[in-house]
Amino acid sequence: MDHRLAAVSMVLTLLSAYAWTGGGANPRSLLPTASPVDEHGSTLDPRQLTALQAMGFSSAGDPCAAPSPRDNATACDDDAPFRHLVSFRLANCSPDLDLPTTALRALSTLRSLAFFRCPIAAPRRLPGPLVASLRSFSCTASLRRLTGVWLSRIQNLTDLSVIGVPVAASGPAVVLSQMRHLRSATISAANLSGVVPHHWHAFNLLHLNLSSNRLKGPVPSSISVLGFLQTLDLSSNALTGTLPDSIGDLAALRNASFAHNSISGPIPDSMSQLSGLVHLDVSSNQFNGSIPKFLSGMKGLKFVNLENNNFGGVLPFNASFLKRLEVFKVGGNSNLCYNHTVLSSKLKLGIPPCDKHGLPASPPPDRSTRADSSDYSDDGSDDGSGDRGSSGGDRHGPSKLVLGVAIGLSCFVFLVIFLVCLSKLCG
């Protein structure tokens, strides 16, 4: 009886797979011969196996086996009698690869979908059941081009990562506004225009990376509502204005980068409240004013980059603080200097020492100038005279000539007298 039930179950499975393909395939070809039975007695759902094969996924082994292949990767649940895909990563695929809608519909159990270096055309839209199931979507140098509307439909995501893919949208808000469960959002190097969103709905967001885009305008004060944010990367955009005081409300912030923008004004004092900050990069902006001393009191700081701004005054840090840092950059601030009684020139900070007025000291003369003055000093040391210029060397020349002439004349006169006396003696 058990054998009969098993046979009936297999026939029903084949008929189901046959119907899913529209009746155009040979049912015998749908047998999952390439997916061996695992220790639990279950294999991958035949419909999903066919879908993987339609996408060019290798069928040489069981897609549910561990470890997955090096490039493409899958992970499955433990359902019986057939397992189902919960994670799928398609990598380094051919540009000619197609993503048929029927295949994507069969993968509606996926919770994670990733494309890596797959320069293929994006499907016109993802099937509704797949959209509802996905919690993680990653696209790196893949799918050629996306739209903000296409991405915004995947509303149940907790993790979104789009890197190196053009995204046509009027701003990040088009993509993110409907994703209320996001924990991590990365849209980087996507040629994304617009402004940093002013309204946020994913209040549990931990990581936000909008770097290397074309975002304009200021950093909005409303960013303070992201109280759980740990990473904020807005680098390499065209942001302007000043950093809002509300930045200090991001109590969980550990990594902050505003590098390569046009942000001006001082570093806000409220940033002193970020006790957990480890990484701060404001390089290549137009920040001005003095560097805040409170940075030295932030015990967690390991990376500080302040270079290429308009900071001025005396660097307020001592050697013990700089020694504690793993990276410290402050060059490219022409009005900034350091106290040479506090910091050694061996630190090579890229800024000059301060003069007695607290201003950057003039740079020392070059090596050739010092060599010339040294030569003149050596000349003057022969007679114990003070500091001399080139004219002092010229006066030495004529006095020696006069002395030589005088000695020569004396010898000549002595010789004449000697000859006269000698002639008288001989006469």
Protein backbone atom coordinates (compact mmCIF):
# COMPACT_ATOMS: atom_id res chain seq x y z
CA MET A 1 0.00 0.00 0.00
CA ASP A 2 2.83 2.42 0.90
CA HIS A 3 4.50 1.79 -2.46
CA ARG A 4 1.23 2.57 -4.24
CA LEU A 5 0.78 5.82 -2.33
CA ALA A 6 4.36 6.86 -3.17
CA ALA A 7 3.78 6.12 -6.83
CA VAL A 8 0.53 8.12 -6.87
CA SER A 9 2.34 11.02 -5.14
CA MET A 10 5.08 11.04 -7.77
CA VAL A 11 2.56 10.99 -10.63
CA LEU A 12 0.64 13.91 -9.11
CA THR A 13 3.90 15.87 -8.73
CA LEU A 14 4.84 15.28 -12.36
CA LEU A 15 1.38 16.30 -13.56
CA SER A 16 1.57 19.48 -11.47
CA ALA A 17 4.96 20.37 -12.93
CA TYR A 18 3.68 19.57 -16.40
CA ALA A 19 0.72 21.91 -15.92
CA TRP A 20 3.02 24.69 -14.58
CA THR A 21 5.08 24.61 -17.78
CA GLY A 22 1.94 25.00 -19.84
CA GLY A 23 1.94 21.39 -21.07
CA GLY A 24 4.76 21.98 -23.51
CA ALA A 25 7.42 19.92 -21.79
CA ASN A 26 7.89 16.21 -21.51
CA PRO A 27 6.94 15.17 -17.94
CA ARG A 28 9.76 12.65 -17.90
CA SER A 29 12.27 15.50 -18.39
CA LEU A 30 11.00 17.12 -15.19
CA LEU A 31 12.16 14.30 -12.96
CA PRO A 32 14.62 15.84 -10.44
CA THR A 33 17.33 13.32 -11.25
CA ALA A 34 20.03 15.95 -10.64
CA SER A 35 18.82 16.58 -7.08
CA PRO A 36 19.69 13.64 -4.87
CA VAL A 37 17.62 12.88 -1.79
CA ASP A 38 19.14 14.40 1.37
CA GLU A 39 19.32 12.82 4.82
CA HIS A 40 15.77 14.02 5.62
CA GLY A 41 14.38 12.26 2.57
CA SER A 42 13.38 15.46 0.74
CA THR A 43 14.59 17.13 -2.44
CA LEU A 44 14.05 20.54 -4.01
CA ASP A 45 10.59 21.21 -5.32
CA PRO A 46 10.66 20.11 -9.01
CA ARG A 47 9.08 23.39 -10.11
CA GLN A 48 11.86 25.38 -8.48
CA LEU A 49 14.50 23.06 -9.90
CA THR A 50 13.12 23.70 -13.38
CA ALA A 51 13.08 27.45 -12.68
CA LEU A 52 16.76 27.37 -11.70
CA GLN A 53 17.64 25.46 -14.82
CA ALA A 54 15.75 28.03 -16.91
CA MET A 55 18.01 30.69 -15.37
CA GLY A 56 21.14 28.81 -16.32
CA PHE A 57 21.78 27.53 -12.80
CA SER A 58 23.89 24.39 -12.81
CA SER A 59 21.94 21.21 -12.13
CA ALA A 60 25.00 19.06 -11.53
CA GLY A 61 24.21 18.72 -7.83
CA ASP A 62 21.53 19.25 -5.26
CA PRO A 63 20.80 23.03 -4.93
CA CYS A 64 19.90 22.39 -1.30
CA ALA A 65 23.22 20.76 -0.47
CA ALA A 66 25.82 22.61 1.57
CA PRO A 67 28.07 24.23 0.69
CA SER A 68 26.52 25.92 -2.34
CA PRO A 69 28.56 26.50 -5.52
CA ARG A 70 31.20 29.26 -5.35
CA ASP A 71 29.45 31.84 -7.57
CA ASN A 72 25.78 31.04 -7.61
CA ALA A 73 24.40 30.13 -4.21
CA THR A 74 21.20 28.78 -2.75
CA ALA A 75 19.73 27.92 0.63
CA CYS A 76 16.64 25.83 1.31
CA ASP A 77 14.17 25.14 4.09
CA ASP A 78 13.57 21.68 5.57
CA ASP A 79 10.07 21.06 4.27
CA ALA A 80 9.03 17.56 3.23
CA PRO A 81 8.53 15.83 0.92
CA PHE A 82 10.13 18.66 -1.09
CA ARG A 83 12.36 21.46 0.15
CA HIS A 84 11.96 25.03 -1.09
CA LEU A 85 14.42 27.83 -1.81
CA VAL A 86 14.64 30.60 0.77
CA SER A 87 17.80 32.28 -0.60
CA PHE A 88 19.11 32.63 -4.16
CA ARG A 89 22.23 34.42 -5.40
CA LEU A 90 22.93 34.64 -9.12
CA ALA A 91 26.50 35.71 -9.91
CA ASN A 92 28.73 36.36 -12.93
CA CYS A 93 26.02 35.38 -15.38
CA SER A 94 25.90 35.80 -19.13
CA PRO A 95 24.48 39.10 -20.47
CA ASP A 96 22.12 37.02 -22.61
CA LEU A 97 20.50 35.32 -19.63
CA ASP A 98 16.73 35.75 -19.41
CA LEU A 99 14.61 35.81 -16.26
CA PRO A 100 11.26 34.35 -17.37
CA THR A 101 8.23 35.41 -15.35
CA THR A 102 7.14 31.78 -14.93
CA ALA A 103 10.49 30.94 -13.34
CA LEU A 104 10.33 33.91 -10.95
CA ARG A 105 6.77 32.94 -10.00
CA ALA A 106 8.02 29.49 -9.01
CA LEU A 107 10.51 31.12 -6.61
CA SER A 108 7.81 32.75 -4.46
CA THR A 109 9.26 31.12 -1.32
CA LEU A 110 12.43 33.24 -1.54
CA ARG A 111 13.20 35.54 1.36
CA SER A 112 16.55 36.68 -0.08
CA LEU A 113 17.36 37.45 -3.72
CA ALA A 114 20.77 38.72 -4.85
CA PHE A 115 22.41 39.56 -8.17
CA PHE A 116 26.16 40.03 -8.42
CA ARG A 117 27.82 41.09 -11.66
CA CYS A 118 24.88 40.03 -13.77
CA PRO A 119 24.53 42.67 -16.53
CA ILE A 120 21.15 41.41 -17.64
CA ALA A 121 17.89 43.21 -18.24
CA ALA A 122 15.72 43.55 -15.15
CA PRO A 123 12.36 41.78 -15.34
CA ARG A 124 9.52 44.18 -16.06
CA ARG A 125 8.16 43.49 -12.61
CA LEU A 126 8.56 40.83 -9.92
CA PRO A 127 5.55 38.52 -9.36
CA GLY A 128 3.33 39.54 -6.45
CA PRO A 129 3.94 36.42 -4.29
CA LEU A 130 7.70 36.85 -4.64
CA VAL A 131 7.47 40.55 -3.75
CA ALA A 132 5.46 39.70 -0.64
CA SER A 133 7.95 37.05 0.47
CA LEU A 134 11.23 38.91 -0.06
CA ARG A 135 12.97 40.37 2.99
CA SER A 136 16.39 41.00 1.41
CA PHE A 137 17.22 42.29 -2.07
CA SER A 138 20.77 42.93 -3.27
CA CYS A 139 21.93 44.10 -6.69
CA THR A 140 25.60 44.84 -7.38
CA ALA A 141 26.67 45.80 -10.91
CA SER A 142 23.65 43.93 -12.24
CA LEU A 143 20.28 44.36 -14.00
CA ARG A 144 21.73 47.24 -16.09
CA ARG A 145 19.18 49.82 -14.94
CA LEU A 146 16.46 50.08 -12.31
CA THR A 147 13.73 52.57 -11.51
CA GLY A 148 12.72 53.88 -8.14
CA VAL A 149 9.17 52.64 -8.67
CA TRP A 150 10.41 49.10 -9.48
CA LEU A 151 12.36 48.98 -6.23
CA SER A 152 9.64 50.60 -4.14
CA ARG A 153 7.26 47.72 -4.84
CA ILE A 154 9.36 45.39 -2.67
CA GLN A 155 7.78 46.89 0.44
CA ASN A 156 8.51 44.16 3.00
CA LEU A 157 12.30 44.42 2.77
CA THR A 158 14.46 44.66 5.86
CA ASP A 159 17.69 44.83 3.82
CA LEU A 160 18.16 46.70 0.54
CA SER A 161 21.48 47.04 -1.28
CA VAL A 162 21.87 48.56 -4.76
CA ILE A 163 25.48 49.33 -5.73
CA GLY A 164 26.82 50.39 -9.12
CA VAL A 165 23.44 50.27 -10.84
CA PRO A 166 21.78 53.41 -12.30
CA VAL A 167 18.48 54.10 -10.53
CA ALA A 168 16.07 56.43 -12.30
CA ALA A 169 14.20 58.30 -9.58
CA SER A 170 13.59 61.87 -8.44
CA GLY A 171 15.20 61.06 -5.12
CA PRO A 172 15.80 58.32 -2.53
CA ALA A 173 12.38 58.96 -1.01
CA VAL A 174 10.73 57.38 -4.06
CA VAL A 175 12.48 54.12 -3.22
CA LEU A 176 12.40 54.16 0.57
CA SER A 177 9.12 55.80 1.52
CA GLN A 178 7.05 52.58 1.46
CA MET A 179 9.65 50.33 3.09
CA ARG A 180 8.62 50.57 6.73
CA HIS A 181 10.57 47.53 7.94
CA LEU A 182 14.00 48.49 6.64
CA ARG A 183 16.98 47.88 8.88
CA SER A 184 19.71 48.48 6.30
CA ALA A 185 19.48 50.61 3.14
CA THR A 186 22.30 51.11 0.63
CA ILE A 187 21.83 52.92 -2.68
CA SER A 188 25.36 53.79 -3.73
CA ALA A 189 26.98 54.79 -7.02
CA ALA A 190 23.51 54.78 -8.55
CA ASN A 191 23.55 58.23 -10.21
CA LEU A 192 20.65 59.08 -7.93
CA SER A 193 19.54 62.71 -7.93
CA GLY A 194 17.26 64.67 -5.61
CA VAL A 195 17.69 65.39 -1.90
CA VAL A 196 18.19 63.44 1.28
CA PRO A 197 14.69 62.41 2.42
CA HIS A 198 12.96 64.75 4.88
CA HIS A 199 10.38 62.18 5.99
CA TRP A 200 11.27 58.75 7.31
CA HIS A 201 9.03 55.77 7.95
CA ALA A 202 11.60 53.05 8.76
CA PHE A 203 12.30 54.22 12.30
CA ASN A 204 14.33 51.08 13.10
CA LEU A 205 16.88 51.78 10.38
CA LEU A 206 20.40 50.83 11.50
CA HIS A 207 22.48 51.51 8.38
CA LEU A 208 21.96 54.20 5.73
CA ASN A 209 24.36 54.57 2.79
CA LEU A 210 23.51 57.04 0.01
CA SER A 211 27.12 57.67 -1.04
CA SER A 212 28.48 58.44 -4.51
CA ASN A 213 25.31 59.88 -5.99
CA ARG A 214 24.17 63.38 -7.08
CA LEU A 215 22.17 64.38 -4.04
CA LYS A 216 21.88 68.13 -3.40
CA GLY A 217 20.73 70.43 -0.63
CA PRO A 218 21.38 70.22 3.11
CA VAL A 219 21.34 67.31 5.50
CA PRO A 220 17.78 67.63 6.92
CA SER A 221 17.29 68.09 10.63
CA SER A 222 14.56 65.42 10.48
CA ILE A 223 17.26 62.76 10.19
CA SER A 224 17.27 62.83 13.99
CA VAL A 225 14.17 60.58 14.02
CA LEU A 226 16.45 57.67 13.07
CA GLY A 227 17.42 57.15 16.68
CA PHE A 228 18.75 53.62 16.12
CA LEU A 229 21.03 54.60 13.24
CA GLN A 230 24.57 53.22 13.61
CA THR A 231 26.03 54.00 10.17
CA LEU A 232 25.39 57.15 8.13
CA ASP A 233 27.29 57.56 4.84
CA LEU A 234 26.39 60.56 2.70
CA SER A 235 29.84 60.96 1.15
CA SER A 236 30.59 61.93 -2.46
CA ASN A 237 27.46 63.88 -3.25
CA ALA A 238 26.77 67.60 -3.80
CA LEU A 239 25.36 68.41 -0.37
CA THR A 240 25.49 72.01 0.86
CA GLY A 241 24.50 74.00 3.92
CA THR A 242 25.53 73.18 7.47
CA LEU A 243 25.21 70.06 9.56
CA PRO A 244 22.07 70.35 11.70
CA ASP A 245 22.35 70.46 15.48
CA SER A 246 19.93 67.53 15.56
CA ILE A 247 22.78 65.28 14.41
CA GLY A 248 23.54 64.93 18.11
CA ASP A 249 20.23 63.09 18.59
CA LEU A 250 21.57 60.06 16.72
CA ALA A 251 22.67 58.51 19.99
CA ALA A 252 23.56 55.10 18.49
CA LEU A 253 25.73 56.50 15.68
CA ARG A 254 29.13 54.82 15.34
CA ASN A 255 30.20 55.65 11.78
CA ALA A 256 29.53 59.00 10.09
CA SER A 257 30.90 60.13 6.72
CA PHE A 258 30.08 63.42 4.99
CA ALA A 259 33.28 63.49 2.91
CA HIS A 260 33.49 65.02 -0.57
CA ASN A 261 30.56 67.40 -0.45
CA SER A 262 30.24 71.20 -0.12
CA ILE A 263 29.06 71.36 3.48
CA SER A 264 30.12 74.52 5.32
CA GLY A 265 30.00 75.99 8.80
CA PRO A 266 31.41 74.49 12.00
CA ILE A 267 31.15 70.97 13.31
CA PRO A 268 28.08 71.27 15.57
CA ASP A 269 28.68 71.10 19.31
CA SER A 270 25.83 68.61 19.61
CA MET A 271 28.10 65.98 18.09
CA SER A 272 29.79 65.75 21.48
CA GLN A 273 26.73 63.73 22.57
CA LEU A 274 27.67 60.87 20.22
CA SER A 275 29.55 58.92 22.85
CA GLY A 276 29.78 55.78 20.71
CA LEU A 277 31.22 57.46 17.60
CA VAL A 278 34.18 55.51 16.19
CA HIS A 279 34.58 56.85 12.64
CA LEU A 280 34.20 60.51 11.62
CA ASP A 281 35.02 61.72 8.10
CA VAL A 282 34.22 65.30 7.06
CA SER A 283 37.12 65.65 4.60
CA SER A 284 36.99 67.63 1.35
CA ASN A 285 34.21 70.02 2.32
CA GLN A 286 34.06 73.70 3.27
CA PHE A 287 33.86 73.33 7.04
CA ASN A 288 35.29 76.35 8.84
CA GLY A 289 35.85 77.76 12.30
CA SER A 290 38.00 76.04 14.87
CA ILE A 291 38.26 72.29 15.32
CA PRO A 292 36.17 71.43 18.39
CA LYS A 293 38.15 70.31 21.41
CA PHE A 294 35.36 67.95 22.50
CA LEU A 295 36.54 65.41 19.92
CA SER A 296 39.48 64.56 22.19
CA GLY A 297 37.01 63.61 24.92
CA MET A 298 35.18 61.06 22.74
CA LYS A 299 36.76 57.87 24.03
CA GLY A 300 35.56 55.62 21.20
CA LEU A 301 37.02 57.60 18.29
CA LYS A 302 39.53 55.67 16.18
CA PHE A 303 39.28 57.35 12.76
CA VAL A 304 39.17 61.14 12.29
CA ASN A 305 39.57 62.78 8.87
CA LEU A 306 39.33 66.60 8.81
CA GLU A 307 41.59 67.30 5.83
CA ASN A 308 40.90 69.67 2.92
CA ASN A 309 38.56 72.11 4.65
CA ASN A 310 38.77 75.72 5.90
CA PHE A 311 39.44 75.03 9.57
CA GLY A 312 41.62 77.63 11.33
CA GLY A 313 43.28 78.38 14.64
CA VAL A 314 45.37 76.10 16.83
CA LEU A 315 44.86 72.33 16.70
CA PRO A 316 43.34 71.56 20.12
CA PHE A 317 44.69 68.03 20.52
CA ASN A 318 47.59 66.65 22.50
CA ALA A 319 49.91 63.77 21.66
CA SER A 320 48.10 61.22 23.84
CA PHE A 321 44.83 61.72 21.94
CA LEU A 322 46.50 61.44 18.53
CA LYS A 323 48.35 58.32 19.65
CA ARG A 324 45.05 56.71 20.59
CA LEU A 325 43.68 57.19 17.06
CA GLU A 326 44.32 54.66 14.32
CA VAL A 327 43.89 57.30 11.57
CA PHE A 328 44.14 61.09 11.88
CA LYS A 329 44.23 63.45 8.89
CA VAL A 330 44.16 67.23 9.11
CA GLY A 331 46.24 68.51 6.17
CA GLY A 332 44.86 70.90 3.59
CA ASN A 333 43.61 73.48 6.12
CA SER A 334 45.69 76.55 5.27
CA ASN A 335 44.72 78.55 8.36
CA LEU A 336 45.35 75.75 10.84
CA CYS A 337 48.55 75.23 12.87
CA TYR A 338 49.74 73.20 15.86
CA ASN A 339 51.42 74.19 19.12
CA HIS A 340 55.02 73.01 18.75
CA THR A 341 55.44 72.90 22.54
CA VAL A 342 52.63 70.32 22.74
CA LEU A 343 53.08 68.33 19.53
CA SER A 344 56.31 67.20 17.90
CA SER A 345 57.06 68.02 14.28
CA LYS A 346 57.85 64.30 13.83
CA LEU A 347 54.09 63.62 13.74
CA LYS A 348 53.95 64.98 10.16
CA LEU A 349 50.47 66.42 10.50
CA GLY A 350 50.57 68.28 7.19
CA ILE A 351 50.09 71.68 8.86
CA PRO A 352 52.75 74.17 10.07
CA PRO A 353 53.55 75.05 13.69
CA CYS A 354 52.02 78.20 15.15
CA ASP A 355 53.98 81.41 15.66
CA LYS A 356 53.77 83.46 18.87
CA HIS A 357 50.50 84.98 17.66
CA GLY A 358 48.82 81.59 17.15
CA LEU A 359 49.01 81.87 13.38
CA PRO A 360 50.64 79.43 10.94
CA ALA A 361 54.36 80.13 10.93
CA SER A 362 56.06 80.91 7.63
CA PRO A 363 57.63 77.87 6.08
CA PRO A 364 61.42 77.53 6.71
CA PRO A 365 63.83 78.50 3.90
CA ASP A 366 64.67 75.79 1.43
CA ARG A 367 67.86 73.77 1.64
CA SER A 368 69.79 75.80 -0.98
CA THR A 369 69.20 79.06 0.91
CA ARG A 370 70.41 77.52 4.16
CA ALA A 371 73.55 76.24 2.40
CA ASP A 372 74.41 79.69 1.03
CA SER A 373 74.03 81.41 4.39
CA SER A 374 76.12 78.67 5.97
CA ASP A 375 78.93 79.42 3.53
CA TYR A 376 78.88 83.10 4.45
CA SER A 377 78.94 82.28 8.13
CA ASP A 378 82.05 80.18 7.62
CA ASP A 379 83.79 83.10 5.88
CA GLY A 380 83.01 85.45 8.75
CA SER A 381 84.24 83.00 11.40
CA ASP A 382 87.90 83.42 10.34
CA ASP A 383 88.28 86.85 11.95
CA GLY A 384 85.57 86.47 14.57
CA SER A 385 83.32 89.03 12.95
CA GLY A 386 79.56 88.88 13.13
CA ASP A 387 77.01 88.01 10.46
CA ARG A 388 78.16 89.07 7.04
CA GLY A 389 76.71 89.29 3.62
CA SER A 390 78.29 88.90 0.22
CA SER A 391 79.71 92.46 0.35
CA GLY A 392 81.88 91.42 3.33
CA GLY A 393 83.52 88.81 1.15
CA ASP A 394 84.24 91.48 -1.48
CA ARG A 395 86.10 93.67 1.08
CA HIS A 396 88.43 90.76 1.85
CA GLY A 397 89.67 90.72 -1.74
CA PRO A 398 91.13 94.34 -2.02
CA SER A 399 92.81 94.33 1.47
CA LYS A 400 94.78 91.20 0.61
CA LEU A 401 95.89 92.69 -2.71
CA VAL A 402 97.20 95.87 -1.01
CA LEU A 403 99.08 93.77 1.51
CA GLY A 404 100.69 91.74 -1.26
CA VAL A 405 101.75 94.82 -3.19
CA ALA A 406 103.25 96.35 -0.04
CA ILE A 407 105.27 93.23 0.68
CA GLY A 408 106.47 93.11 -2.92
CA LEU A 409 107.58 96.75 -2.86
CA SER A 410 109.39 96.24 0.44
CA CYS A 411 111.29 93.32 -1.00
CA PHE A 412 112.18 95.35 -4.09
CA VAL A 413 113.47 98.28 -2.00
CA PHE A 414 115.45 95.91 0.19
CA LEU A 415 116.98 94.32 -2.90
CA VAL A 416 118.00 97.72 -4.33
CA ILE A 417 119.66 98.77 -1.04
CA PHE A 418 121.43 95.44 -0.84
CA LEU A 419 122.85 95.82 -4.35
CA VAL A 420 124.02 99.42 -3.67
CA CYS A 421 125.85 98.38 -0.50
CA LEU A 422 127.40 95.45 -2.26
CA SER A 423 128.75 97.61 -5.09
CA LYS A 424 130.40 100.00 -2.62
CA LEU A 425 132.12 97.17 -0.82
CA CYS A 426 133.44 95.76 -4.02
CA GLY A 427 134.66 99.17 -5.26
